[in-house]
PDB file of N, CA and C in Angstrom:
ATOM      1  N   MET A   1     130.550 103.161  82.503  1.00  0.00           N
ATOM      2  CA  MET A   1     129.549 102.322  83.111  1.00  0.00           C
ATOM      3  C   MET A   1     129.066 101.320  82.055  1.00  0.00           C
ATOM      4  N   THR A   2     129.155 100.054  82.360  1.00  0.00           N
ATOM      5  CA  THR A   2     128.743  99.024  81.413  1.00  0.00           C
ATOM      6  C   THR A   2     127.239  98.823  81.487  1.00  0.00           C
ATOM      7  N   PHE A   3     126.752  98.057  80.533  1.00  0.00           N
ATOM      8  CA  PHE A   3     125.311  97.803  80.494  1.00  0.00           C
ATOM      9  C   PHE A   3     124.859  97.065  81.740  1.00  0.00           C
ATOM     10  N   CYS A   4     125.645  96.101  82.194  1.00  0.00           N
ATOM     11  CA  CYS A   4     125.256  95.337  83.388  1.00  0.00           C
ATOM     12  C   CYS A   4     125.197  96.227  84.617  1.00  0.00           C
ATOM     13  N   SER A   5     126.167  97.109  84.765  1.00  0.00           N
ATOM     14  CA  SER A   5     126.135  97.966  85.946  1.00  0.00           C
ATOM     15  C   SER A   5     125.008  98.997  85.835  1.00  0.00           C
ATOM     16  N   LEU A   6     124.711  99.466  84.622  1.00  0.00           N
ATOM     17  CA  LEU A   6     123.594 100.384  84.436  1.00  0.00           C
ATOM     18  C   LEU A   6     122.282  99.683  84.747  1.00  0.00           C
ATOM     19  N   GLU A   7     122.168  98.455  84.310  1.00  0.00           N
ATOM     20  CA  GLU A   7     120.980  97.663  84.598  1.00  0.00           C
ATOM     21  C   GLU A   7     120.846  97.426  86.103  1.00  0.00           C
ATOM     22  N   ARG A   8     121.954  97.183  86.775  1.00  0.00           N
ATOM     23  CA  ARG A   8     121.960  96.960  88.225  1.00  0.00           C
ATOM     24  C   ARG A   8     121.551  98.232  88.970  1.00  0.00           C
ATOM     25  N   VAL A   9     122.037  99.374  88.521  1.00  0.00           N
ATOM     26  CA  VAL A   9     121.681 100.647  89.145  1.00  0.00           C
ATOM     27  C   VAL A   9     120.182 100.889  89.001  1.00  0.00           C
ATOM     28  N   GLN A  10     119.644 100.636  87.825  1.00  0.00           N
ATOM     29  CA  GLN A  10     118.212 100.822  87.618  1.00  0.00           C
ATOM     30  C   GLN A  10     117.409  99.863  88.491  1.00  0.00           C
ATOM     31  N   LEU A  11     117.883  98.647  88.645  1.00  0.00           N
ATOM     32  CA  LEU A  11     117.206  97.675  89.493  1.00  0.00           C
ATOM     33  C   LEU A  11     117.236  98.117  90.955  1.00  0.00           C
ATOM     34  N   LEU A  12     118.377  98.613  91.400  1.00  0.00           N
ATOM     35  CA  LEU A  12     118.476  99.071  92.783  1.00  0.00           C
ATOM     36  C   LEU A  12     117.629 100.321  93.030  1.00  0.00           C
ATOM     37  N   LYS A  13     117.571 101.215  92.056  1.00  0.00           N
ATOM     38  CA  LYS A  13     116.711 102.400  92.206  1.00  0.00           C
ATOM     39  C   LYS A  13     115.243 101.993  92.260  1.00  0.00           C
ATOM     40  N   SER A  14     114.862 101.007  91.464  1.00  0.00           N
ATOM     41  CA  SER A  14     113.478 100.548  91.536  1.00  0.00           C
ATOM     42  C   SER A  14     113.195  99.882  92.876  1.00  0.00           C
ATOM     43  N   ALA A  15     114.196  99.245  93.469  1.00  0.00           N
ATOM     44  CA  ALA A  15     114.025  98.668  94.803  1.00  0.00           C
ATOM     45  C   ALA A  15     113.834  99.762  95.849  1.00  0.00           C
ATOM     46  N   VAL A  16     114.546 100.873  95.701  1.00  0.00           N
ATOM     47  CA  VAL A  16     114.381 102.010  96.613  1.00  0.00           C
ATOM     48  C   VAL A  16     112.965 102.566  96.500  1.00  0.00           C
ATOM     49  N   ILE A  17     112.482 102.739  95.285  1.00  0.00           N
ATOM     50  CA  ILE A  17     111.134 103.257  95.067  1.00  0.00           C
ATOM     51  C   ILE A  17     110.095 102.296  95.632  1.00  0.00           C
ATOM     52  N   THR A  18     110.299 101.003  95.427  1.00  0.00           N
ATOM     53  CA  THR A  18     109.370 100.005  95.946  1.00  0.00           C
ATOM     54  C   THR A  18     109.332 100.017  97.465  1.00  0.00           C
ATOM     55  N   ALA A  19     110.493 100.170  98.104  1.00  0.00           N
ATOM     56  CA  ALA A  19     110.537 100.224  99.567  1.00  0.00           C
ATOM     57  C   ALA A  19     109.792 101.446 100.096  1.00  0.00           C
ATOM     58  N   VAL A  20     109.973 102.581  99.454  1.00  0.00           N
ATOM     59  CA  VAL A  20     109.273 103.801  99.888  1.00  0.00           C
ATOM     60  C   VAL A  20     107.764 103.647  99.650  1.00  0.00           C
ATOM     61  N   ALA A  21     107.376 103.051  98.539  1.00  0.00           N
ATOM     62  CA  ALA A  21     105.949 102.841  98.263  1.00  0.00           C
ATOM     63  C   ALA A  21     105.327 101.893  99.286  1.00  0.00           C
ATOM     64  N   SER A  22     106.063 100.866  99.661  1.00  0.00           N
ATOM     65  CA  SER A  22     105.574  99.932 100.669  1.00  0.00           C
ATOM     66  C   SER A  22     105.386 100.625 102.016  1.00  0.00           C
ATOM     67  N   LEU A  23     106.337 101.445 102.386  1.00  0.00           N
ATOM     68  CA  LEU A  23     106.212 102.194 103.630  1.00  0.00           C
ATOM     69  C   LEU A  23     105.035 103.164 103.565  1.00  0.00           C
ATOM     70  N   TYR A  24     104.834 103.792 102.410  1.00  0.00           N
ATOM     71  CA  TYR A  24     103.690 104.705 102.256  1.00  0.00           C
ATOM     72  C   TYR A  24     102.376 103.962 102.482  1.00  0.00           C
ATOM     73  N   LEU A  25     102.247 102.775 101.919  1.00  0.00           N
ATOM     74  CA  LEU A  25     101.005 102.029 102.098  1.00  0.00           C
ATOM     75  C   LEU A  25     100.771 101.686 103.563  1.00  0.00           C
ATOM     76  N   ASN A  26     101.827 101.358 104.290  1.00  0.00           N
ATOM     77  CA  ASN A  26     101.691 101.107 105.724  1.00  0.00           C
ATOM     78  C   ASN A  26     101.238 102.362 106.462  1.00  0.00           C
ATOM     79  N   VAL A  27     101.806 103.500 106.112  1.00  0.00           N
ATOM     80  CA  VAL A  27     101.417 104.757 106.759  1.00  0.00           C
ATOM     81  C   VAL A  27      99.991 105.135 106.355  1.00  0.00           C
ATOM     82  N   PHE A  28      99.608 104.850 105.120  1.00  0.00           N
ATOM     83  CA  PHE A  28      98.235 105.096 104.678  1.00  0.00           C
ATOM     84  C   PHE A  28      97.246 104.343 105.563  1.00  0.00           C
ATOM     85  N   VAL A  29      97.532 103.071 105.803  1.00  0.00           N
ATOM     86  CA  VAL A  29      96.663 102.264 106.670  1.00  0.00           C
ATOM     87  C   VAL A  29      96.695 102.800 108.095  1.00  0.00           C
ATOM     88  N   LEU A  30      97.856 103.252 108.563  1.00  0.00           N
ATOM     89  CA  LEU A  30      97.958 103.845 109.897  1.00  0.00           C
ATOM     90  C   LEU A  30      97.054 105.071 110.023  1.00  0.00           C
ATOM     91  N   VAL A  31      97.043 105.919 109.014  1.00  0.00           N
ATOM     92  CA  VAL A  31      96.196 107.119 109.054  1.00  0.00           C
ATOM     93  C   VAL A  31      94.723 106.723 109.051  1.00  0.00           C
ATOM     94  N   VAL A  32      94.358 105.774 108.206  1.00  0.00           N
ATOM     95  CA  VAL A  32      92.967 105.322 108.167  1.00  0.00           C
ATOM     96  C   VAL A  32      92.556 104.769 109.524  1.00  0.00           C
ATOM     97  N   GLN A  33      93.382 103.900 110.089  1.00  0.00           N
ATOM     98  CA  GLN A  33      93.061 103.316 111.390  1.00  0.00           C
ATOM     99  C   GLN A  33      93.011 104.382 112.484  1.00  0.00           C
ATOM    100  N   SER A  34      93.862 105.377 112.386  1.00  0.00           N
ATOM    101  CA  SER A  34      93.853 106.459 113.375  1.00  0.00           C
ATOM    102  C   SER A  34      92.544 107.223 113.317  1.00  0.00           C
ATOM    103  N   PHE A  35      92.045 107.497 112.113  1.00  0.00           N
ATOM    104  CA  PHE A  35      90.777 108.208 111.985  1.00  0.00           C
ATOM    105  C   PHE A  35      89.605 107.344 112.447  1.00  0.00           C
ATOM    106  N   VAL A  36      89.753 106.032 112.410  1.00  0.00           N
ATOM    107  CA  VAL A  36      88.682 105.153 112.874  1.00  0.00           C
ATOM    108  C   VAL A  36      88.729 104.993 114.398  1.00  0.00           C
ATOM    109  N   LYS A  37      89.922 104.803 114.962  1.00  0.00           N
ATOM    110  CA  LYS A  37      90.062 104.430 116.374  1.00  0.00           C
ATOM    111  C   LYS A  37      90.192 105.607 117.338  1.00  0.00           C
ATOM    112  N   VAL A  38      90.826 106.698 116.916  1.00  0.00           N
ATOM    113  CA  VAL A  38      91.044 107.842 117.812  1.00  0.00           C
ATOM    114  C   VAL A  38      89.802 108.721 117.762  1.00  0.00           C
ATOM    115  N   SER A  39      89.176 108.909 118.910  1.00  0.00           N
ATOM    116  CA  SER A  39      87.884 109.603 118.934  1.00  0.00           C
ATOM    117  C   SER A  39      87.978 111.051 118.442  1.00  0.00           C
ATOM    118  N   ALA A  40      89.074 111.748 118.747  1.00  0.00           N
ATOM    119  CA  ALA A  40      89.215 113.136 118.292  1.00  0.00           C
ATOM    120  C   ALA A  40      89.282 113.207 116.761  1.00  0.00           C
ATOM    121  N   LEU A  41      89.998 112.269 116.147  1.00  0.00           N
ATOM    122  CA  LEU A  41      90.076 112.246 114.682  1.00  0.00           C
ATOM    123  C   LEU A  41      88.771 111.753 114.070  1.00  0.00           C
ATOM    124  N   ASN A  42      88.143 110.801 114.744  1.00  0.00           N
ATOM    125  CA  ASN A  42      86.874 110.272 114.249  1.00  0.00           C
ATOM    126  C   ASN A  42      85.801 111.358 114.249  1.00  0.00           C
ATOM    127  N   ALA A  43      85.867 112.269 115.208  1.00  0.00           N
ATOM    128  CA  ALA A  43      84.905 113.378 115.237  1.00  0.00           C
ATOM    129  C   ALA A  43      85.104 114.317 114.046  1.00  0.00           C
ATOM    130  N   LEU A  44      86.349 114.438 113.585  1.00  0.00           N
ATOM    131  CA  LEU A  44      86.630 115.298 112.418  1.00  0.00           C
ATOM    132  C   LEU A  44      86.162 114.665 111.109  1.00  0.00           C
ATOM    133  N   ALA A  45      86.306 113.346 111.008  1.00  0.00           N
ATOM    134  CA  ALA A  45      85.967 112.655 109.760  1.00  0.00           C
ATOM    135  C   ALA A  45      85.397 111.269 110.065  1.00  0.00           C
ATOM    136  N   PRO A  46      84.130 111.198 110.452  1.00  0.00           N
ATOM    137  CA  PRO A  46      83.559 109.908 110.847  1.00  0.00           C
ATOM    138  C   PRO A  46      83.434 108.892 109.710  1.00  0.00           C
ATOM    139  N   THR A  47      83.302 109.344 108.472  1.00  0.00           N
ATOM    140  CA  THR A  47      83.149 108.394 107.360  1.00  0.00           C
ATOM    141  C   THR A  47      84.366 108.358 106.436  1.00  0.00           C
ATOM    142  N   GLN A  48      85.430 109.034 106.780  1.00  0.00           N
ATOM    143  CA  GLN A  48      86.656 109.135 105.975  1.00  0.00           C
ATOM    144  C   GLN A  48      86.413 109.709 104.578  1.00  0.00           C
ATOM    145  N   SER A  49      85.372 110.497 104.437  1.00  0.00           N
ATOM    146  CA  SER A  49      85.148 111.176 103.155  1.00  0.00           C
ATOM    147  C   SER A  49      85.124 112.695 103.345  1.00  0.00           C
ATOM    148  N   GLU A  50      85.426 113.137 104.534  1.00  0.00           N
ATOM    149  CA  GLU A  50      85.442 114.567 104.839  1.00  0.00           C
ATOM    150  C   GLU A  50      86.792 115.181 104.471  1.00  0.00           C
ATOM    151  N   PRO A  51      86.829 116.510 104.329  1.00  0.00           N
ATOM    152  CA  PRO A  51      88.080 117.187 103.954  1.00  0.00           C
ATOM    153  C   PRO A  51      89.276 116.952 104.897  1.00  0.00           C
ATOM    154  N   PRO A  52      89.115 116.895 106.228  1.00  0.00           N
ATOM    155  CA  PRO A  52      90.306 116.668 107.063  1.00  0.00           C
ATOM    156  C   PRO A  52      91.027 115.355 106.734  1.00  0.00           C
ATOM    157  N   PHE A  53      90.247 114.320 106.438  1.00  0.00           N
ATOM    158  CA  PHE A  53      90.847 113.029 106.079  1.00  0.00           C
ATOM    159  C   PHE A  53      91.564 113.125 104.731  1.00  0.00           C
ATOM    160  N   ALA A  54      90.922 113.733 103.754  1.00  0.00           N
ATOM    161  CA  ALA A  54      91.525 113.867 102.425  1.00  0.00           C
ATOM    162  C   ALA A  54      92.782 114.728 102.469  1.00  0.00           C
ATOM    163  N   ILE A  55      92.733 115.804 103.240  1.00  0.00           N
ATOM    164  CA  ILE A  55      93.909 116.677 103.359  1.00  0.00           C
ATOM    165  C   ILE A  55      95.067 115.930 104.015  1.00  0.00           C
ATOM    166  N   THR A  56      94.760 115.167 105.069  1.00  0.00           N
ATOM    167  CA  THR A  56      95.809 114.395 105.751  1.00  0.00           C
ATOM    168  C   THR A  56      96.441 113.390 104.796  1.00  0.00           C
ATOM    169  N   GLN A  57      95.635 112.673 104.040  1.00  0.00           N
ATOM    170  CA  GLN A  57      96.170 111.690 103.106  1.00  0.00           C
ATOM    171  C   GLN A  57      96.968 112.363 101.986  1.00  0.00           C
ATOM    172  N   ALA A  58      96.518 113.521 101.529  1.00  0.00           N
ATOM    173  CA  ALA A  58      97.263 114.246 100.488  1.00  0.00           C
ATOM    174  C   ALA A  58      98.618 114.715 101.005  1.00  0.00           C
ATOM    175  N   VAL A  59      98.655 115.181 102.247  1.00  0.00           N
ATOM    176  CA  VAL A  59      99.927 115.616 102.836  1.00  0.00           C
ATOM    177  C   VAL A  59     100.871 114.433 103.001  1.00  0.00           C
ATOM    178  N   VAL A  60     100.340 113.306 103.471  1.00  0.00           N
ATOM    179  CA  VAL A  60     101.173 112.106 103.628  1.00  0.00           C
ATOM    180  C   VAL A  60     101.710 111.663 102.268  1.00  0.00           C
ATOM    181  N   LEU A  61     100.870 111.672 101.242  1.00  0.00           N
ATOM    182  CA  LEU A  61     101.318 111.289  99.899  1.00  0.00           C
ATOM    183  C   LEU A  61     102.400 112.235  99.394  1.00  0.00           C
ATOM    184  N   ALA A  62     102.216 113.536  99.591  1.00  0.00           N
ATOM    185  CA  ALA A  62     103.219 114.508  99.146  1.00  0.00           C
ATOM    186  C   ALA A  62     104.556 114.298  99.860  1.00  0.00           C
ATOM    187  N   ILE A  63     104.496 114.015 101.149  1.00  0.00           N
ATOM    188  CA  ILE A  63     105.731 113.761 101.906  1.00  0.00           C
ATOM    189  C   ILE A  63     106.448 112.533 101.362  1.00  0.00           C
ATOM    190  N   PHE A  64     105.705 111.481 101.066  1.00  0.00           N
ATOM    191  CA  PHE A  64     106.347 110.266 100.572  1.00  0.00           C
ATOM    192  C   PHE A  64     106.845 110.414  99.138  1.00  0.00           C
ATOM    193  N   ILE A  65     106.193 111.218  98.328  1.00  0.00           N
ATOM    194  CA  ILE A  65     106.728 111.498  96.990  1.00  0.00           C
ATOM    195  C   ILE A  65     108.057 112.238  97.120  1.00  0.00           C
ATOM    196  N   LEU A  66     108.116 113.192  98.028  1.00  0.00           N
ATOM    197  CA  LEU A  66     109.356 113.925  98.276  1.00  0.00           C
ATOM    198  C   LEU A  66     110.448 112.983  98.784  1.00  0.00           C
ATOM    199  N   ILE A  67     110.102 112.111  99.712  1.00  0.00           N
ATOM    200  CA  ILE A  67     111.074 111.144 100.234  1.00  0.00           C
ATOM    201  C   ILE A  67     111.596 110.245  99.108  1.00  0.00           C
ATOM    202  N   ALA A  68     110.702 109.779  98.242  1.00  0.00           N
ATOM    203  CA  ALA A  68     111.115 108.915  97.131  1.00  0.00           C
ATOM    204  C   ALA A  68     112.036 109.653  96.171  1.00  0.00           C
ATOM    205  N   LEU A  69     111.708 110.889  95.853  1.00  0.00           N
ATOM    206  CA  LEU A  69     112.569 111.666  94.950  1.00  0.00           C
ATOM    207  C   LEU A  69     113.952 111.884  95.553  1.00  0.00           C
ATOM    208  N   ILE A  70     113.997 112.242  96.829  1.00  0.00           N
ATOM    209  CA  ILE A  70     115.287 112.446  97.493  1.00  0.00           C
ATOM    210  C   ILE A  70     116.073 111.140  97.532  1.00  0.00           C
ATOM    211  N   ALA A  71     115.396 110.037  97.829  1.00  0.00           N
ATOM    212  CA  ALA A  71     116.079 108.747  97.904  1.00  0.00           C
ATOM    213  C   ALA A  71     116.676 108.341  96.564  1.00  0.00           C
ATOM    214  N   VAL A  72     115.955 108.575  95.487  1.00  0.00           N
ATOM    215  CA  VAL A  72     116.460 108.200  94.156  1.00  0.00           C
ATOM    216  C   VAL A  72     117.602 109.118  93.732  1.00  0.00           C
ATOM    217  N   VAL A  73     117.470 110.413  93.998  1.00  0.00           N
ATOM    218  CA  VAL A  73     118.508 111.367  93.585  1.00  0.00           C
ATOM    219  C   VAL A  73     119.789 111.140  94.381  1.00  0.00           C
ATOM    220  N   LYS A  74     119.674 110.896  95.664  1.00  0.00           N
ATOM    221  CA  LYS A  74     120.856 110.735  96.504  1.00  0.00           C
ATOM    222  C   LYS A  74     121.388 109.312  96.528  1.00  0.00           C
ATOM    223  N   PHE A  75     120.744 108.407  95.801  1.00  0.00           N
ATOM    224  CA  PHE A  75     121.168 107.013  95.782  1.00  0.00           C
ATOM    225  C   PHE A  75     122.546 106.889  95.148  1.00  0.00           C
ATOM    226  N   ARG A  76     123.439 106.225  95.824  1.00  0.00           N
ATOM    227  CA  ARG A  76     124.795 105.977  95.320  1.00  0.00           C
ATOM    228  C   ARG A  76     125.025 104.476  95.269  1.00  0.00           C
ATOM    229  N   PRO A  77     125.085 103.884  94.081  1.00  0.00           N
ATOM    230  CA  PRO A  77     125.209 102.431  93.998  1.00  0.00           C
ATOM    231  C   PRO A  77     126.545 101.909  94.528  1.00  0.00           C
ATOM    232  N   GLY A  78     127.560 102.736  94.568  1.00  0.00           N
ATOM    233  CA  GLY A  78     128.858 102.287  95.069  1.00  0.00           C
ATOM    234  C   GLY A  78     128.903 102.112  96.568  1.00  0.00           C
ATOM    235  N   THR A  79     127.917 102.648  97.280  1.00  0.00           N
ATOM    236  CA  THR A  79     127.921 102.571  98.733  1.00  0.00           C
ATOM    237  C   THR A  79     126.998 101.484  99.262  1.00  0.00           C
ATOM    238  N   THR A  80     126.531 100.587  98.387  1.00  0.00           N
ATOM    239  CA  THR A  80     125.668  99.504  98.848  1.00  0.00           C
ATOM    240  C   THR A  80     126.494  98.482  99.621  1.00  0.00           C
ATOM    241  N   VAL A  81     125.856  97.842 100.557  1.00  0.00           N
ATOM    242  CA  VAL A  81     126.519  96.837 101.371  1.00  0.00           C
ATOM    243  C   VAL A  81     126.381  95.492 100.675  1.00  0.00           C
ATOM    244  N   ARG A  82     127.481  94.821 100.506  1.00  0.00           N
ATOM    245  CA  ARG A  82     127.462  93.498  99.871  1.00  0.00           C
ATOM    246  C   ARG A  82     127.445  92.426 100.947  1.00  0.00           C
ATOM    247  N   VAL A  83     126.517  91.520 100.805  1.00  0.00           N
ATOM    248  CA  VAL A  83     126.379  90.452 101.790  1.00  0.00           C
ATOM    249  C   VAL A  83     126.829  89.153 101.207  1.00  0.00           C
TER     250      VAL A  83
END
């Protein structure tokens, strides 16, 4: 593996991590909006500082960390689509 291809692999892995982080932020906002708009969730955490809200956000974060780790480990640079 040459330096250029190693550099390219690192760049592509960082793109994978960035994509997962971007999706996490969208889901984070979805959870916040759900706790604000859905009355059943709003009853559990009306100010978003209660434990149900924090637990939900922690679980979502843990899931996305797991997704990011799996994506980076299973990433194969030879299978990328060239446009």
